[in-house]
Amino acid sequence: MGFAVVGERDRFGGAQLTLIPLLLLGITWVSLHFRSSRGLMMLLIAGLAFDFALGVLLQARVEHLENTADRTVFTGLGINNGSLDIGVPGEYSLTPAAWGNWYRKHQLAASEKWLRDLESFRPGDPALELSKKELRENLQRTVAEDVSLWKGWYRRHGGEMTFLGDHFGDSDVAAGLLVAVAALLLWRVARIPVLPVVVLAPAAKARPRKR
């Protein structure tokens, strides 16, 4: 089922796709028993709150940040295991996915900047020539995608996207709104009444007729 509905390549394998049927079975079981026990309901709410805090809010908060003069959240060119690379983990790094989402937001402007910086990055160093060549080709391919895939959209918008949360700057307003919505939803779930347990009495055996 997972392979039938998800078609993109995954460099780390497709285990999360093939386990989708088990995930659906688990969700089905929880939906059937959710209202049968207050303890089960509270356990599920606690799990949802934990997943929101570390799986949603943390990543959303980091992706909302931008690089400043005294803080680099999303790195550019750097040395990684002796090769030239982009997005090398730094002090404020969270996950490669967070960096990738930031990069897609700025991909044309950032790619063109890194192509310019590439020529002046440790020129004449033979140890970096191969990685420089590969990185240059990848960045040039990304720049060309603005025409082939995006029909010039990035170019017409300054080389980057502007999200709704960007209008709040680096403030915590967007994160606060996200927390408020999540808290409201969890509160509504906690107020769902528990259904009484219905125990069905065993059917009475039919008495044999007397002849």
N, C-alpha and C. Protein backbone atom coordinates (compact mmCIF):
# COMPACT_ATOMS: atom_id res chain seq x y z
N MET A 1 0.82 -1.20 0.00
CA MET A 1 0.00 0.00 0.00
C MET A 1 0.86 1.26 0.00
N GLY A 2 1.94 1.26 0.84
CA GLY A 2 2.80 2.43 0.89
C GLY A 2 3.45 2.73 -0.44
N PHE A 3 3.95 1.70 -1.13
CA PHE A 3 4.59 1.92 -2.42
C PHE A 3 3.58 2.34 -3.49
N ALA A 4 2.32 1.98 -3.30
CA ALA A 4 1.31 2.30 -4.30
C ALA A 4 0.90 3.77 -4.26
N VAL A 5 0.99 4.40 -3.07
CA VAL A 5 0.50 5.77 -2.94
C VAL A 5 1.61 6.79 -2.86
N VAL A 6 2.87 6.38 -2.63
CA VAL A 6 3.99 7.31 -2.52
C VAL A 6 5.02 6.94 -3.57
N GLY A 7 5.35 7.89 -4.43
CA GLY A 7 6.21 7.57 -5.55
C GLY A 7 7.59 8.19 -5.53
N GLU A 8 7.87 9.13 -4.57
CA GLU A 8 9.17 9.79 -4.62
C GLU A 8 10.28 8.88 -4.10
N ARG A 9 11.51 9.20 -4.48
CA ARG A 9 12.65 8.43 -4.01
C ARG A 9 13.01 8.86 -2.59
N ASP A 10 13.57 7.92 -1.84
CA ASP A 10 13.99 8.20 -0.47
C ASP A 10 15.36 7.59 -0.28
N ARG A 11 16.36 8.43 -0.01
CA ARG A 11 17.73 7.94 0.10
C ARG A 11 17.93 7.05 1.33
N PHE A 12 17.02 7.14 2.31
CA PHE A 12 17.15 6.35 3.52
C PHE A 12 16.24 5.12 3.51
N GLY A 13 15.62 4.82 2.38
CA GLY A 13 14.78 3.64 2.29
C GLY A 13 13.31 3.96 2.45
N GLY A 14 12.48 2.96 2.29
CA GLY A 14 11.03 3.17 2.31
C GLY A 14 10.32 2.48 3.45
N ALA A 15 11.02 2.26 4.60
CA ALA A 15 10.38 1.55 5.71
C ALA A 15 9.16 2.31 6.21
N GLN A 16 9.27 3.66 6.26
CA GLN A 16 8.13 4.43 6.77
C GLN A 16 6.93 4.32 5.83
N LEU A 17 7.15 3.97 4.57
CA LEU A 17 6.05 3.83 3.63
C LEU A 17 5.40 2.45 3.76
N THR A 18 6.22 1.44 3.90
CA THR A 18 5.65 0.09 4.00
C THR A 18 4.96 -0.13 5.34
N LEU A 19 5.26 0.71 6.34
CA LEU A 19 4.61 0.59 7.65
C LEU A 19 3.30 1.38 7.73
N ILE A 20 2.91 2.04 6.65
CA ILE A 20 1.66 2.80 6.66
C ILE A 20 0.46 1.92 7.02
N PRO A 21 0.33 0.70 6.48
CA PRO A 21 -0.81 -0.14 6.89
C PRO A 21 -0.87 -0.38 8.39
N LEU A 22 0.30 -0.59 9.05
CA LEU A 22 0.30 -0.77 10.50
C LEU A 22 -0.13 0.52 11.20
N LEU A 23 0.29 1.65 10.67
CA LEU A 23 -0.12 2.93 11.23
C LEU A 23 -1.63 3.10 11.15
N LEU A 24 -2.21 2.74 10.01
CA LEU A 24 -3.65 2.86 9.85
C LEU A 24 -4.40 1.90 10.77
N LEU A 25 -3.86 0.70 10.95
CA LEU A 25 -4.49 -0.24 11.88
C LEU A 25 -4.47 0.32 13.31
N GLY A 26 -3.36 0.94 13.70
CA GLY A 26 -3.27 1.53 15.02
C GLY A 26 -4.25 2.67 15.21
N ILE A 27 -4.37 3.53 14.21
CA ILE A 27 -5.32 4.64 14.29
C ILE A 27 -6.75 4.11 14.37
N THR A 28 -7.03 3.06 13.62
CA THR A 28 -8.37 2.47 13.68
C THR A 28 -8.66 1.91 15.06
N TRP A 29 -7.67 1.24 15.65
CA TRP A 29 -7.87 0.67 17.00
C TRP A 29 -8.12 1.77 18.02
N VAL A 30 -7.32 2.85 17.95
CA VAL A 30 -7.48 3.95 18.90
C VAL A 30 -8.85 4.60 18.74
N SER A 31 -9.29 4.77 17.48
CA SER A 31 -10.59 5.41 17.26
C SER A 31 -11.74 4.57 17.81
N LEU A 32 -11.56 3.24 17.82
CA LEU A 32 -12.61 2.37 18.34
C LEU A 32 -12.66 2.35 19.87
N HIS A 33 -11.48 2.52 20.51
CA HIS A 33 -11.40 2.40 21.96
C HIS A 33 -11.17 3.73 22.67
N PHE A 34 -11.10 4.80 21.90
CA PHE A 34 -10.74 6.10 22.46
C PHE A 34 -11.69 6.53 23.57
N ARG A 35 -12.98 6.32 23.38
CA ARG A 35 -13.97 6.80 24.35
C ARG A 35 -14.38 5.76 25.37
N SER A 36 -13.67 4.65 25.40
CA SER A 36 -14.03 3.60 26.34
C SER A 36 -13.32 3.74 27.68
N SER A 37 -12.26 4.57 27.74
CA SER A 37 -11.48 4.69 28.95
C SER A 37 -10.93 6.10 29.09
N ARG A 38 -11.15 6.74 30.25
CA ARG A 38 -10.59 8.07 30.48
C ARG A 38 -9.08 8.02 30.55
N GLY A 39 -8.52 6.93 31.09
CA GLY A 39 -7.07 6.79 31.15
C GLY A 39 -6.45 6.72 29.77
N LEU A 40 -7.06 5.94 28.86
CA LEU A 40 -6.57 5.86 27.50
C LEU A 40 -6.67 7.22 26.81
N MET A 41 -7.74 7.95 27.08
CA MET A 41 -7.93 9.26 26.47
C MET A 41 -6.84 10.23 26.93
N MET A 42 -6.52 10.24 28.25
CA MET A 42 -5.49 11.12 28.77
C MET A 42 -4.11 10.74 28.25
N LEU A 43 -3.88 9.42 28.11
CA LEU A 43 -2.60 8.96 27.57
C LEU A 43 -2.42 9.43 26.13
N LEU A 44 -3.48 9.35 25.34
CA LEU A 44 -3.40 9.80 23.96
C LEU A 44 -3.20 11.31 23.88
N ILE A 45 -3.88 12.07 24.73
CA ILE A 45 -3.72 13.53 24.75
C ILE A 45 -2.29 13.90 25.13
N ALA A 46 -1.72 13.19 26.12
CA ALA A 46 -0.33 13.45 26.51
C ALA A 46 0.62 13.17 25.35
N GLY A 47 0.38 12.08 24.63
CA GLY A 47 1.20 11.77 23.46
C GLY A 47 1.08 12.82 22.37
N LEU A 48 -0.13 13.30 22.14
CA LEU A 48 -0.34 14.34 21.14
C LEU A 48 0.38 15.63 21.54
N ALA A 49 0.32 15.98 22.82
CA ALA A 49 0.99 17.19 23.30
C ALA A 49 2.51 17.07 23.14
N PHE A 50 3.05 15.90 23.47
CA PHE A 50 4.50 15.67 23.32
C PHE A 50 4.91 15.75 21.86
N ASP A 51 4.14 15.10 20.99
CA ASP A 51 4.46 15.12 19.57
C ASP A 51 4.36 16.53 19.00
N PHE A 52 3.39 17.30 19.46
CA PHE A 52 3.26 18.68 18.99
C PHE A 52 4.46 19.53 19.43
N ALA A 53 4.88 19.36 20.68
CA ALA A 53 5.95 20.20 21.22
C ALA A 53 7.28 19.96 20.50
N LEU A 54 7.63 18.68 20.32
CA LEU A 54 8.93 18.36 19.73
C LEU A 54 8.87 18.06 18.24
N GLY A 55 7.70 17.66 17.75
CA GLY A 55 7.61 17.29 16.34
C GLY A 55 7.02 18.36 15.45
N VAL A 56 6.33 19.35 16.02
CA VAL A 56 5.70 20.40 15.22
C VAL A 56 6.21 21.78 15.62
N LEU A 57 6.02 22.12 16.90
CA LEU A 57 6.35 23.47 17.35
C LEU A 57 7.83 23.78 17.23
N LEU A 58 8.69 22.85 17.65
CA LEU A 58 10.13 23.09 17.60
C LEU A 58 10.60 23.34 16.18
N GLN A 59 10.17 22.48 15.25
CA GLN A 59 10.62 22.66 13.86
C GLN A 59 10.02 23.93 13.25
N ALA A 60 8.74 24.20 13.54
CA ALA A 60 8.12 25.41 13.01
C ALA A 60 8.82 26.66 13.55
N ARG A 61 9.21 26.64 14.83
CA ARG A 61 9.89 27.79 15.43
C ARG A 61 11.25 28.03 14.79
N VAL A 62 12.03 26.96 14.58
CA VAL A 62 13.35 27.11 13.98
C VAL A 62 13.23 27.55 12.53
N GLU A 63 12.30 26.95 11.78
CA GLU A 63 12.14 27.32 10.37
C GLU A 63 11.64 28.75 10.22
N HIS A 64 11.05 29.32 11.28
CA HIS A 64 10.58 30.69 11.23
C HIS A 64 11.73 31.69 11.35
N LEU A 65 12.88 31.24 11.87
CA LEU A 65 14.02 32.14 12.06
C LEU A 65 14.72 32.41 10.74
N GLU A 66 15.52 33.47 10.74
CA GLU A 66 16.35 33.81 9.59
C GLU A 66 17.75 34.14 10.08
N ASN A 67 18.72 34.08 9.19
CA ASN A 67 20.08 34.45 9.54
C ASN A 67 20.17 35.95 9.81
N THR A 68 20.97 36.31 10.80
CA THR A 68 21.22 37.71 11.12
C THR A 68 22.72 37.96 11.15
N ALA A 69 23.09 39.20 11.44
CA ALA A 69 24.51 39.55 11.47
C ALA A 69 25.26 38.83 12.58
N ASP A 70 24.60 38.51 13.69
CA ASP A 70 25.27 37.86 14.80
C ASP A 70 24.78 36.44 15.05
N ARG A 71 23.98 35.88 14.12
CA ARG A 71 23.48 34.52 14.31
C ARG A 71 23.24 33.86 12.96
N THR A 72 23.88 32.71 12.75
CA THR A 72 23.68 31.94 11.52
C THR A 72 22.92 30.68 11.87
N VAL A 73 21.63 30.68 11.54
CA VAL A 73 20.78 29.52 11.81
C VAL A 73 20.92 28.49 10.70
N PHE A 74 20.96 28.98 9.46
CA PHE A 74 21.02 28.10 8.29
C PHE A 74 22.32 28.41 7.54
N THR A 75 23.23 27.44 7.58
CA THR A 75 24.57 27.67 7.03
C THR A 75 24.60 27.57 5.52
N GLY A 76 25.61 28.20 4.93
CA GLY A 76 25.82 28.13 3.49
C GLY A 76 27.01 27.25 3.17
N LEU A 77 27.99 27.80 2.46
CA LEU A 77 29.17 27.04 2.10
C LEU A 77 29.99 26.72 3.34
N GLY A 78 30.51 25.49 3.37
CA GLY A 78 31.35 25.08 4.50
C GLY A 78 32.04 23.77 4.19
N ILE A 79 32.97 23.41 5.05
CA ILE A 79 33.72 22.17 4.89
C ILE A 79 33.06 21.07 5.72
N ASN A 80 32.78 19.96 5.07
CA ASN A 80 32.15 18.82 5.74
C ASN A 80 32.92 17.56 5.37
N ASN A 81 33.63 16.99 6.36
CA ASN A 81 34.44 15.78 6.14
C ASN A 81 35.44 15.96 5.00
N GLY A 82 36.07 17.12 4.98
CA GLY A 82 37.11 17.38 3.99
C GLY A 82 36.62 17.80 2.62
N SER A 83 35.30 17.92 2.42
CA SER A 83 34.75 18.32 1.14
C SER A 83 33.93 19.60 1.31
N LEU A 84 33.78 20.32 0.22
CA LEU A 84 32.97 21.53 0.23
C LEU A 84 31.50 21.14 0.12
N ASP A 85 30.68 21.74 0.97
CA ASP A 85 29.27 21.38 0.99
C ASP A 85 28.46 22.59 1.42
N ILE A 86 27.14 22.48 1.34
CA ILE A 86 26.25 23.51 1.85
C ILE A 86 25.35 22.90 2.92
N GLY A 87 24.92 23.74 3.85
CA GLY A 87 24.05 23.24 4.91
C GLY A 87 24.75 22.40 5.95
N VAL A 88 26.04 22.66 6.19
CA VAL A 88 26.77 21.91 7.21
C VAL A 88 26.17 22.25 8.58
N PRO A 89 25.87 21.23 9.42
CA PRO A 89 25.26 21.51 10.73
C PRO A 89 26.07 22.49 11.55
N GLY A 90 25.37 23.44 12.17
CA GLY A 90 26.01 24.45 12.99
C GLY A 90 25.40 24.50 14.37
N GLU A 91 25.66 25.59 15.09
CA GLU A 91 25.23 25.72 16.48
C GLU A 91 23.71 25.71 16.61
N TYR A 92 23.02 26.32 15.65
CA TYR A 92 21.56 26.44 15.73
C TYR A 92 20.84 25.42 14.85
N SER A 93 21.57 24.50 14.26
CA SER A 93 20.94 23.55 13.35
C SER A 93 19.99 22.62 14.10
N LEU A 94 18.91 22.24 13.44
CA LEU A 94 17.95 21.32 14.02
C LEU A 94 17.98 19.99 13.28
N THR A 95 17.48 19.96 12.06
CA THR A 95 17.47 18.75 11.25
C THR A 95 17.78 19.12 9.80
N PRO A 96 18.25 18.18 8.99
CA PRO A 96 18.41 18.46 7.56
C PRO A 96 17.11 18.89 6.90
N ALA A 97 15.97 18.35 7.38
CA ALA A 97 14.69 18.73 6.80
C ALA A 97 14.38 20.20 7.04
N ALA A 98 14.71 20.71 8.24
CA ALA A 98 14.49 22.12 8.53
C ALA A 98 15.35 23.00 7.63
N TRP A 99 16.61 22.61 7.45
CA TRP A 99 17.48 23.37 6.55
C TRP A 99 16.94 23.31 5.11
N GLY A 100 16.49 22.12 4.68
CA GLY A 100 15.98 21.97 3.32
C GLY A 100 14.75 22.83 3.08
N ASN A 101 13.86 22.92 4.07
CA ASN A 101 12.67 23.77 3.91
C ASN A 101 13.06 25.24 3.81
N TRP A 102 14.06 25.66 4.61
CA TRP A 102 14.55 27.04 4.50
C TRP A 102 15.17 27.28 3.13
N TYR A 103 15.94 26.31 2.65
CA TYR A 103 16.61 26.46 1.35
C TYR A 103 15.59 26.58 0.22
N ARG A 104 14.54 25.75 0.24
CA ARG A 104 13.53 25.84 -0.81
C ARG A 104 12.82 27.19 -0.79
N LYS A 105 12.78 27.80 0.38
CA LYS A 105 12.17 29.12 0.48
C LYS A 105 13.03 30.19 -0.18
N HIS A 106 14.35 30.02 -0.14
CA HIS A 106 15.29 31.01 -0.69
C HIS A 106 16.12 30.44 -1.83
N GLN A 107 15.66 29.39 -2.48
CA GLN A 107 16.57 28.58 -3.28
C GLN A 107 17.22 29.32 -4.45
N LEU A 108 16.53 30.21 -5.13
CA LEU A 108 17.17 30.89 -6.25
C LEU A 108 18.17 31.92 -5.76
N ALA A 109 17.77 32.78 -4.83
CA ALA A 109 18.67 33.81 -4.31
C ALA A 109 19.89 33.18 -3.64
N ALA A 110 19.66 32.14 -2.83
CA ALA A 110 20.78 31.50 -2.13
C ALA A 110 21.70 30.77 -3.11
N SER A 111 21.13 30.09 -4.09
CA SER A 111 21.96 29.35 -5.06
C SER A 111 22.84 30.30 -5.86
N GLU A 112 22.29 31.41 -6.29
CA GLU A 112 23.09 32.38 -7.07
C GLU A 112 24.18 33.00 -6.20
N LYS A 113 23.88 33.26 -4.93
CA LYS A 113 24.90 33.82 -4.02
C LYS A 113 26.01 32.82 -3.81
N TRP A 114 25.67 31.55 -3.58
CA TRP A 114 26.70 30.54 -3.33
C TRP A 114 27.51 30.27 -4.59
N LEU A 115 26.92 30.39 -5.76
CA LEU A 115 27.70 30.24 -6.99
C LEU A 115 28.75 31.34 -7.09
N ARG A 116 28.40 32.56 -6.68
CA ARG A 116 29.37 33.66 -6.70
C ARG A 116 30.45 33.43 -5.65
N ASP A 117 30.04 32.99 -4.46
CA ASP A 117 31.01 32.78 -3.38
C ASP A 117 31.91 31.58 -3.66
N LEU A 118 31.44 30.67 -4.47
CA LEU A 118 32.18 29.43 -4.73
C LEU A 118 33.53 29.71 -5.36
N GLU A 119 33.59 30.70 -6.23
CA GLU A 119 34.83 30.98 -6.96
C GLU A 119 35.91 31.55 -6.05
N SER A 120 35.50 32.23 -4.98
CA SER A 120 36.50 32.84 -4.08
C SER A 120 36.73 32.01 -2.82
N PHE A 121 36.11 30.83 -2.74
CA PHE A 121 36.26 29.99 -1.55
C PHE A 121 37.51 29.13 -1.68
N ARG A 122 38.55 29.46 -0.96
CA ARG A 122 39.83 28.75 -0.96
C ARG A 122 40.26 28.38 -2.38
N PRO A 123 40.50 29.41 -3.22
CA PRO A 123 40.87 29.13 -4.62
C PRO A 123 42.21 28.40 -4.70
N GLY A 124 42.31 27.50 -5.66
CA GLY A 124 43.55 26.76 -5.89
C GLY A 124 43.78 25.59 -4.95
N ASP A 125 42.81 25.28 -4.09
CA ASP A 125 42.97 24.15 -3.17
C ASP A 125 42.57 22.87 -3.91
N PRO A 126 43.56 22.01 -4.24
CA PRO A 126 43.22 20.80 -5.02
C PRO A 126 42.31 19.83 -4.28
N ALA A 127 42.31 19.88 -2.95
CA ALA A 127 41.48 18.95 -2.19
C ALA A 127 39.99 19.25 -2.33
N LEU A 128 39.67 20.47 -2.79
CA LEU A 128 38.27 20.87 -2.90
C LEU A 128 37.76 20.93 -4.33
N GLU A 129 38.62 20.67 -5.29
CA GLU A 129 38.23 20.84 -6.69
C GLU A 129 37.07 19.93 -7.08
N LEU A 130 37.11 18.67 -6.68
CA LEU A 130 36.05 17.74 -7.06
C LEU A 130 34.72 18.14 -6.43
N SER A 131 34.72 18.42 -5.13
CA SER A 131 33.47 18.82 -4.47
C SER A 131 32.98 20.16 -4.97
N LYS A 132 33.90 21.06 -5.34
CA LYS A 132 33.51 22.34 -5.93
C LYS A 132 32.78 22.12 -7.25
N LYS A 133 33.31 21.22 -8.06
CA LYS A 133 32.70 20.94 -9.36
C LYS A 133 31.29 20.37 -9.18
N GLU A 134 31.15 19.39 -8.28
CA GLU A 134 29.84 18.79 -8.06
C GLU A 134 28.85 19.79 -7.49
N LEU A 135 29.30 20.60 -6.55
CA LEU A 135 28.42 21.59 -5.94
C LEU A 135 28.01 22.65 -6.96
N ARG A 136 28.95 23.06 -7.80
CA ARG A 136 28.64 24.05 -8.83
C ARG A 136 27.58 23.53 -9.79
N GLU A 137 27.69 22.26 -10.19
CA GLU A 137 26.70 21.68 -11.10
C GLU A 137 25.33 21.59 -10.44
N ASN A 138 25.29 21.23 -9.16
CA ASN A 138 24.01 21.13 -8.46
C ASN A 138 23.35 22.50 -8.32
N LEU A 139 24.14 23.51 -7.99
CA LEU A 139 23.59 24.85 -7.84
C LEU A 139 23.11 25.40 -9.18
N GLN A 140 23.86 25.15 -10.24
CA GLN A 140 23.45 25.60 -11.56
C GLN A 140 22.17 24.90 -11.99
N ARG A 141 22.03 23.64 -11.63
CA ARG A 141 20.80 22.90 -11.95
C ARG A 141 19.60 23.52 -11.20
N THR A 142 19.81 23.91 -9.96
CA THR A 142 18.73 24.54 -9.19
C THR A 142 18.34 25.88 -9.79
N VAL A 143 19.32 26.66 -10.19
CA VAL A 143 19.04 27.96 -10.83
C VAL A 143 18.24 27.75 -12.12
N ALA A 144 18.63 26.74 -12.90
CA ALA A 144 17.93 26.48 -14.17
C ALA A 144 16.50 26.01 -13.93
N GLU A 145 16.23 25.39 -12.78
CA GLU A 145 14.87 24.91 -12.49
C GLU A 145 13.88 26.05 -12.34
N ASP A 146 14.37 27.25 -12.05
CA ASP A 146 13.44 28.38 -11.95
C ASP A 146 12.74 28.63 -13.28
N VAL A 147 13.42 28.31 -14.37
CA VAL A 147 12.80 28.47 -15.70
C VAL A 147 12.06 27.21 -16.11
N SER A 148 12.68 26.04 -15.92
CA SER A 148 12.07 24.80 -16.41
C SER A 148 10.90 24.32 -15.57
N LEU A 149 10.96 24.54 -14.25
CA LEU A 149 9.90 24.05 -13.37
C LEU A 149 9.00 25.16 -12.83
N TRP A 150 9.59 26.30 -12.50
CA TRP A 150 8.84 27.37 -11.85
C TRP A 150 8.42 28.48 -12.80
N LYS A 151 8.81 28.38 -14.08
CA LYS A 151 8.42 29.37 -15.09
C LYS A 151 8.80 30.80 -14.67
N GLY A 152 9.95 30.90 -14.00
CA GLY A 152 10.45 32.22 -13.62
C GLY A 152 9.82 32.81 -12.37
N TRP A 153 9.08 32.01 -11.61
CA TRP A 153 8.38 32.55 -10.43
C TRP A 153 9.34 33.13 -9.41
N TYR A 154 10.41 32.38 -9.08
CA TYR A 154 11.37 32.87 -8.09
C TYR A 154 12.00 34.18 -8.57
N ARG A 155 12.38 34.24 -9.83
CA ARG A 155 13.02 35.44 -10.37
C ARG A 155 12.10 36.64 -10.25
N ARG A 156 10.83 36.45 -10.49
CA ARG A 156 9.88 37.57 -10.43
C ARG A 156 9.60 38.01 -8.99
N HIS A 157 9.97 37.17 -8.01
CA HIS A 157 9.69 37.50 -6.61
C HIS A 157 10.97 37.64 -5.79
N GLY A 158 12.01 38.14 -6.44
CA GLY A 158 13.25 38.41 -5.72
C GLY A 158 14.06 37.20 -5.34
N GLY A 159 13.76 36.05 -5.94
CA GLY A 159 14.55 34.85 -5.70
C GLY A 159 14.15 34.05 -4.47
N GLU A 160 13.02 34.42 -3.82
CA GLU A 160 12.63 33.70 -2.61
C GLU A 160 11.14 33.85 -2.37
N MET A 161 10.62 32.99 -1.48
CA MET A 161 9.21 33.03 -1.09
C MET A 161 9.04 33.85 0.19
N THR A 162 7.85 34.39 0.36
CA THR A 162 7.49 35.08 1.60
C THR A 162 6.26 34.40 2.17
N PHE A 163 6.40 33.83 3.38
CA PHE A 163 5.29 33.16 4.02
C PHE A 163 4.54 34.12 4.92
N LEU A 164 3.34 33.70 5.33
CA LEU A 164 2.53 34.54 6.20
C LEU A 164 3.25 34.85 7.51
N GLY A 165 3.92 33.86 8.07
CA GLY A 165 4.63 34.07 9.33
C GLY A 165 5.80 35.02 9.22
N ASP A 166 6.32 35.24 8.01
CA ASP A 166 7.45 36.16 7.83
C ASP A 166 7.09 37.60 8.17
N HIS A 167 5.81 37.93 8.11
CA HIS A 167 5.39 39.30 8.42
C HIS A 167 5.51 39.60 9.92
N PHE A 168 5.72 38.57 10.75
CA PHE A 168 5.91 38.78 12.18
C PHE A 168 7.38 38.88 12.55
N GLY A 169 8.28 38.80 11.57
CA GLY A 169 9.70 38.86 11.87
C GLY A 169 10.15 37.66 12.69
N ASP A 170 11.12 37.88 13.61
CA ASP A 170 11.62 36.80 14.46
C ASP A 170 10.85 36.70 15.77
N SER A 171 9.72 37.37 15.88
CA SER A 171 8.95 37.34 17.11
C SER A 171 8.30 35.96 17.29
N ASP A 172 7.73 35.76 18.49
CA ASP A 172 7.08 34.50 18.81
C ASP A 172 5.58 34.54 18.57
N VAL A 173 5.10 35.51 17.80
CA VAL A 173 3.67 35.64 17.56
C VAL A 173 3.13 34.41 16.83
N ALA A 174 3.80 34.01 15.76
CA ALA A 174 3.34 32.85 14.99
C ALA A 174 3.35 31.58 15.84
N ALA A 175 4.42 31.40 16.64
CA ALA A 175 4.49 30.22 17.51
C ALA A 175 3.40 30.27 18.57
N GLY A 176 3.11 31.46 19.08
CA GLY A 176 2.04 31.60 20.08
C GLY A 176 0.68 31.23 19.51
N LEU A 177 0.43 31.66 18.28
CA LEU A 177 -0.84 31.30 17.64
C LEU A 177 -0.94 29.79 17.43
N LEU A 178 0.18 29.18 17.06
CA LEU A 178 0.20 27.73 16.85
C LEU A 178 -0.08 27.00 18.16
N VAL A 179 0.52 27.45 19.25
CA VAL A 179 0.30 26.83 20.55
C VAL A 179 -1.16 27.00 20.98
N ALA A 180 -1.72 28.19 20.74
CA ALA A 180 -3.11 28.44 21.13
C ALA A 180 -4.07 27.52 20.40
N VAL A 181 -3.86 27.32 19.10
CA VAL A 181 -4.72 26.44 18.33
C VAL A 181 -4.59 24.99 18.81
N ALA A 182 -3.34 24.55 19.05
CA ALA A 182 -3.13 23.18 19.52
C ALA A 182 -3.76 22.97 20.90
N ALA A 183 -3.62 23.96 21.80
CA ALA A 183 -4.20 23.84 23.13
C ALA A 183 -5.73 23.76 23.06
N LEU A 184 -6.31 24.55 22.17
CA LEU A 184 -7.77 24.52 22.01
C LEU A 184 -8.24 23.15 21.52
N LEU A 185 -7.53 22.59 20.56
CA LEU A 185 -7.92 21.28 20.03
C LEU A 185 -7.78 20.19 21.09
N LEU A 186 -6.68 20.22 21.85
CA LEU A 186 -6.49 19.21 22.90
C LEU A 186 -7.53 19.38 24.01
N TRP A 187 -7.89 20.61 24.32
CA TRP A 187 -8.92 20.85 25.33
C TRP A 187 -10.27 20.30 24.88
N ARG A 188 -10.57 20.49 23.60
CA ARG A 188 -11.83 19.96 23.08
C ARG A 188 -11.83 18.43 23.12
N VAL A 189 -10.69 17.83 22.82
CA VAL A 189 -10.60 16.37 22.87
C VAL A 189 -10.78 15.88 24.30
N ALA A 190 -10.18 16.58 25.27
CA ALA A 190 -10.28 16.17 26.67
C ALA A 190 -11.72 16.24 27.19
N ARG A 191 -12.56 17.04 26.59
CA ARG A 191 -13.93 17.20 27.04
C ARG A 191 -14.89 16.19 26.40
N ILE A 192 -14.38 15.34 25.53
CA ILE A 192 -15.24 14.32 24.94
C ILE A 192 -15.66 13.34 26.03
N PRO A 193 -16.95 13.11 26.20
CA PRO A 193 -17.39 12.21 27.28
C PRO A 193 -17.03 10.75 26.99
N VAL A 194 -16.75 10.04 28.08
CA VAL A 194 -16.46 8.61 27.97
C VAL A 194 -17.77 7.85 27.85
N LEU A 195 -17.83 6.94 26.92
CA LEU A 195 -19.04 6.16 26.73
C LEU A 195 -19.13 5.07 27.79
N PRO A 196 -20.33 4.82 28.32
CA PRO A 196 -20.46 3.73 29.30
C PRO A 196 -20.19 2.38 28.64
N VAL A 197 -19.55 1.53 29.40
CA VAL A 197 -19.25 0.19 28.89
C VAL A 197 -20.52 -0.66 28.95
N VAL A 198 -20.88 -1.19 27.84
CA VAL A 198 -22.08 -2.03 27.76
C VAL A 198 -21.65 -3.49 27.75
N VAL A 199 -22.11 -4.23 28.76
CA VAL A 199 -21.79 -5.65 28.85
C VAL A 199 -23.01 -6.44 28.40
N LEU A 200 -22.85 -7.17 27.37
CA LEU A 200 -23.95 -7.96 26.84
C LEU A 200 -24.07 -9.26 27.62
N ALA A 201 -25.26 -9.51 28.10
CA ALA A 201 -25.50 -10.76 28.82
C ALA A 201 -25.52 -11.93 27.84
N PRO A 202 -25.00 -13.05 28.26
CA PRO A 202 -25.02 -14.20 27.34
C PRO A 202 -26.46 -14.62 27.03
N ALA A 203 -26.66 -14.99 25.82
CA ALA A 203 -28.01 -15.39 25.41
C ALA A 203 -28.45 -16.64 26.15
N ALA A 204 -29.68 -16.61 26.61
CA ALA A 204 -30.21 -17.76 27.33
C ALA A 204 -30.39 -18.95 26.38
N LYS A 205 -30.01 -20.11 26.90
CA LYS A 205 -30.15 -21.31 26.08
C LYS A 205 -31.63 -21.71 25.98
N ALA A 206 -32.03 -22.06 24.81
CA ALA A 206 -33.43 -22.49 24.62
C ALA A 206 -33.66 -23.85 25.30
N ARG A 207 -34.73 -23.91 26.07
CA ARG A 207 -35.04 -25.16 26.76
C ARG A 207 -35.65 -26.16 25.76
N PRO A 208 -35.25 -27.39 25.89
CA PRO A 208 -35.83 -28.40 24.96
C PRO A 208 -37.32 -28.59 25.26
N ARG A 209 -38.05 -28.69 24.20
CA ARG A 209 -39.51 -28.90 24.37
C ARG A 209 -39.80 -30.31 24.86
N LYS A 210 -40.81 -30.36 25.78
CA LYS A 210 -41.24 -31.68 26.27
C LYS A 210 -42.21 -32.30 25.29
N ARG A 211 -42.03 -33.54 25.04
CA ARG A 211 -42.92 -34.26 24.13
C ARG A 211 -44.04 -34.92 24.91
